[in-house]
Protein backbone atom coordinates (compact mmCIF):
# COMPACT_ATOMS: atom_id res chain seq x y z
CA MET A 1 133.31 69.06 88.95
CA LYS A 2 133.31 68.15 92.62
CA HIS A 3 133.37 70.67 95.42
CA SER A 4 134.57 70.26 98.97
CA PRO A 5 131.78 70.77 101.48
CA SER A 6 132.20 73.92 103.54
CA LYS A 7 132.28 72.97 107.21
CA ASN A 8 131.07 76.26 108.62
CA LEU A 9 128.30 77.46 106.34
CA HIS A 10 126.25 80.07 108.15
CA TYR A 11 123.00 79.28 106.32
CA SER A 12 120.85 76.17 106.52
CA HIS A 13 117.98 77.38 104.30
CA VAL A 14 117.98 79.28 101.02
CA PHE A 15 114.65 80.73 99.92
CA TRP A 16 114.57 81.41 96.20
CA ASP A 17 112.28 83.74 94.35
CA TRP A 18 111.26 82.09 91.09
CA ASN A 19 110.24 84.54 88.34
CA GLY A 20 113.19 86.62 87.24
CA THR A 21 115.63 85.07 89.72
CA LEU A 22 115.81 81.46 88.56
CA LEU A 23 113.37 81.71 85.64
CA ASP A 24 114.49 84.03 82.85
CA ASP A 25 111.05 85.31 81.88
CA ILE A 26 111.42 89.08 81.74
CA ASN A 27 111.18 89.27 77.95
CA TRP A 28 108.07 87.09 77.88
CA CYS A 29 106.49 89.12 80.71
CA ARG A 30 107.07 92.29 78.70
CA THR A 31 105.68 90.65 75.56
CA SER A 32 102.54 89.53 77.41
CA ILE A 33 101.83 92.89 79.06
CA ASN A 34 102.53 94.73 75.80
CA GLN A 35 99.81 92.72 74.10
CA MET A 36 97.37 93.97 76.72
CA LEU A 37 98.56 97.56 76.41
CA ALA A 38 98.32 97.45 72.62
CA ARG A 39 94.73 96.14 72.77
CA ARG A 40 93.80 99.29 74.67
CA GLY A 41 95.81 101.74 72.61
CA LEU A 42 98.19 102.37 75.50
CA LYS A 43 101.92 103.02 75.25
CA ILE A 44 103.85 99.75 75.15
CA ILE A 45 106.99 99.10 77.18
CA ALA A 46 109.87 99.69 74.77
CA ASP A 47 112.55 97.39 76.15
CA ASP A 48 113.67 95.33 79.11
CA ASN A 49 115.34 98.30 80.78
CA GLU A 50 112.08 100.26 80.73
CA TYR A 51 110.28 97.21 82.09
CA ARG A 52 112.78 96.82 84.95
CA THR A 53 112.27 100.45 85.93
CA ALA A 54 108.46 100.21 85.84
CA PHE A 55 107.93 96.87 87.55
CA THR A 56 106.88 96.93 91.19
CA PHE A 57 104.75 95.20 93.86
CA PRO A 58 101.94 94.90 94.45
CA VAL A 59 101.34 94.18 90.78
CA ARG A 60 98.18 96.31 90.75
CA ARG A 61 100.40 99.34 91.40
CA TYR A 62 102.58 98.32 88.44
CA TYR A 63 99.49 98.08 86.24
CA GLU A 64 98.43 101.59 87.26
CA LYS A 65 101.96 102.88 86.69
CA ILE A 66 102.08 101.69 83.07
CA GLY A 67 98.67 103.10 82.16
CA PHE A 68 95.83 100.71 82.96
CA ASP A 69 92.67 102.33 84.35
CA LEU A 70 91.67 100.14 87.27
CA ASP A 71 88.53 102.17 87.81
CA SER A 72 87.14 101.05 84.46
CA GLU A 73 88.69 97.56 84.41
CA PRO A 74 89.04 95.62 87.68
CA PHE A 75 92.56 94.48 88.42
CA GLU A 76 91.35 90.90 88.92
CA GLN A 77 89.98 90.87 85.36
CA LEU A 78 93.24 92.22 83.97
CA SER A 79 95.15 89.62 85.93
CA VAL A 80 93.16 86.79 84.35
CA GLU A 81 93.83 88.25 80.89
CA TYR A 82 97.55 88.57 81.61
CA HIS A 83 97.92 85.01 82.84
CA ALA A 84 96.05 83.66 79.82
CA LEU A 85 98.73 85.30 77.68
CA TYR A 86 101.67 84.48 79.92
CA TYR A 87 100.77 80.79 80.20
CA GLY A 88 99.49 80.53 76.61
CA GLU A 89 100.63 78.04 74.03
CA ASN A 90 103.28 80.43 72.68
CA ALA A 91 104.92 80.91 76.07
CA VAL A 92 108.71 81.06 76.06
CA TRP A 93 110.46 80.26 79.35
CA THR A 94 114.03 79.31 80.12
CA LEU A 95 116.11 79.15 83.25
CA HIS A 96 118.81 81.75 83.70
CA ASP A 97 122.27 80.65 82.65
CA ASN A 98 123.86 78.54 85.37
CA ALA A 99 120.66 78.39 87.45
CA GLU A 100 120.65 74.59 87.50
CA VAL A 101 124.38 74.37 88.21
CA THR A 102 124.02 76.82 91.09
CA LEU A 103 121.08 74.91 92.58
CA HIS A 104 123.05 71.66 92.42
CA ARG A 105 126.07 73.23 94.12
CA LEU A 106 123.95 74.44 97.02
CA SER A 107 122.20 71.08 97.27
CA GLU A 108 125.56 69.28 97.41
CA GLN A 109 126.40 71.31 100.52
CA GLY A 110 123.28 70.10 102.31
CA LEU A 111 121.47 73.45 102.08
CA ARG A 112 117.69 73.14 102.09
CA GLN A 113 116.27 75.13 99.20
CA VAL A 114 112.72 76.50 99.08
CA ILE A 115 110.97 78.42 96.33
CA ILE A 116 108.80 81.28 97.60
CA SER A 117 106.79 82.88 94.81
CA ALA A 118 103.94 85.31 94.23
CA SER A 119 102.69 82.99 91.47
CA GLU A 120 99.57 80.85 91.88
CA LYS A 121 100.84 77.54 93.23
CA SER A 122 99.35 75.06 90.76
CA ARG A 123 100.68 77.12 87.83
CA LEU A 124 104.01 77.45 89.61
CA LEU A 125 104.33 73.70 90.07
CA GLU A 126 103.51 73.09 86.40
CA GLN A 127 106.10 75.63 85.31
CA ILE A 128 108.86 74.26 87.54
CA ALA A 129 108.06 70.72 86.36
CA THR A 130 109.06 71.68 82.81
CA PHE A 131 112.65 71.76 84.10
CA ASP A 132 114.42 68.86 85.79
CA ILE A 133 114.97 70.69 89.09
CA SER A 134 111.98 69.92 91.34
CA PRO A 135 113.91 67.34 93.46
CA LEU A 136 116.37 70.07 94.46
CA PHE A 137 113.73 71.87 96.55
CA SER A 138 112.49 70.81 99.95
CA ASP A 139 109.34 72.88 99.45
CA ILE A 140 107.63 75.14 96.91
CA LEU A 141 105.48 77.98 98.28
CA GLY A 142 102.99 79.82 96.08
CA LEU A 143 99.73 81.76 96.26
CA VAL A 144 96.13 80.55 96.05
CA ASP A 145 95.12 83.10 93.38
CA LEU A 146 96.46 84.98 90.36
CA ASN A 147 96.62 88.45 91.86
CA ALA A 148 100.31 88.49 92.90
CA GLU A 149 99.67 90.76 95.88
CA GLY A 150 102.84 89.60 97.61
CA LYS A 151 104.28 86.59 99.39
CA THR A 152 105.18 87.66 102.93
CA HIS A 153 102.21 85.80 104.42
CA ILE A 154 103.19 82.45 102.91
CA GLY A 155 106.70 82.93 104.26
CA ARG A 156 105.35 83.63 107.74
CA ALA A 157 103.45 80.35 107.69
CA TYR A 158 106.82 78.61 107.19
CA LEU A 159 108.72 80.34 109.98
CA GLU A 160 108.20 77.63 112.61
CA ARG A 161 110.14 75.25 110.35
CA VAL A 162 113.30 77.33 109.99
CA ASP A 163 115.82 79.20 112.13
CA VAL A 164 115.50 82.70 110.66
CA ARG A 165 119.07 83.48 111.74
CA ARG A 166 120.26 80.83 109.29
CA ALA A 167 117.97 81.67 106.39
CA ILE A 168 118.58 83.85 103.35
CA LEU A 169 116.21 84.92 100.60
CA ILE A 170 117.60 85.36 97.09
CA GLY A 171 115.56 87.45 94.68
CA ASP A 172 115.54 90.01 91.90
CA THR A 173 113.16 92.73 93.13
CA VAL A 174 112.73 95.25 95.91
CA HIS A 175 109.73 93.19 97.00
CA ASP A 176 112.03 90.24 97.68
CA TYR A 177 114.07 92.49 99.97
CA GLU A 178 110.88 93.62 101.71
CA VAL A 179 109.79 90.01 102.21
CA ALA A 180 113.19 89.06 103.63
CA CYS A 181 113.03 91.97 106.09
CA ALA A 182 109.50 91.05 107.16
CA LEU A 183 110.52 87.44 107.79
CA GLY A 184 113.80 88.24 109.51
CA PHE A 185 115.92 86.59 106.78
CA ASP A 186 119.12 87.88 105.28
CA CYS A 187 118.74 88.97 101.67
CA LEU A 188 120.80 88.66 98.51
CA LEU A 189 119.67 90.27 95.25
CA VAL A 190 120.64 89.38 91.69
CA ALA A 191 120.41 91.99 88.94
CA ASN A 192 119.24 89.55 86.28
CA GLY A 193 115.47 89.92 86.52
CA HIS A 194 112.56 92.28 87.03
CA ASN A 195 114.23 95.27 88.72
CA SER A 196 117.31 97.15 87.59
CA ARG A 197 120.61 97.15 89.49
CA GLU A 198 120.08 100.86 90.20
CA ILE A 199 116.75 100.14 91.90
CA LEU A 200 118.07 97.09 93.78
CA SER A 201 121.07 99.04 95.09
CA THR A 202 118.72 101.23 97.13
CA CYS A 203 117.97 98.25 99.40
CA GLY A 204 121.39 98.29 101.03
CA VAL A 205 122.07 94.55 100.64
CA PRO A 206 124.53 92.77 98.32
CA VAL A 207 123.55 92.83 94.64
CA LEU A 208 125.18 90.25 92.39
CA ASN A 209 125.40 90.27 88.61
CA GLU A 210 124.60 86.62 88.03
CA LEU A 211 123.79 83.34 89.73
CA THR A 212 127.31 81.95 89.41
CA GLU A 213 128.33 84.39 92.17
CA VAL A 214 125.84 82.98 94.70
CA PRO A 215 127.80 79.97 96.04
CA ALA A 216 130.88 82.03 96.90
CA HIS A 217 128.71 84.62 98.62
CA LEU A 218 127.25 81.86 100.79
CA GLY A 219 130.71 80.57 101.67
CA ILE A 220 130.83 77.59 99.31
CA ILE A 221 134.37 77.23 98.06
CA SER A 222 135.42 75.18 95.05
CA ASP A 223 138.27 72.68 95.13
CA GLU A 224 139.90 74.70 92.38
């Protein structure tokens, strides 16, 4: 299906969160953290809805919230254990439905797309490479460690390369909204990932149900 290019698109850059927004990994994240909780005799997270309510940034606060004792076990040690499980040989990752189609539609309009993630960059690149989408991004921004403290600082390092008035960040968590505010970007949230719609609605920005709604929100209109 071909689409007519929109002549007056407001945005030139779209910054995408990765985990939960494009990558459908919430169930595997819950599976991985539940293995750690079970090893310690702690209450596991019952379902994806409970996970979406509990998840927050920085991740160390999330770990405390669900029962880990960071006084007896350093967060950095727990983070290494989590990533060994998350990236283990039994890992199950898929893209969200219509993620690839949506990325192609934005690319066809000449929008420059950038991934900005709180994942460690080498792991992030390996994960993205398992899908045939890397050429759709003009850049991929990740962290230098596994601690997922946040990603505002890597966005700031990119600011000289983009007109913030024409940039939008698309994510699935309150942290994505906070990053967008800190960088001066517009923000669009999708209720398909790590925070619930109820939580996302507190941010006061548009919240979509799924990725297929993104192009129309950006002003990309189909021929049909």
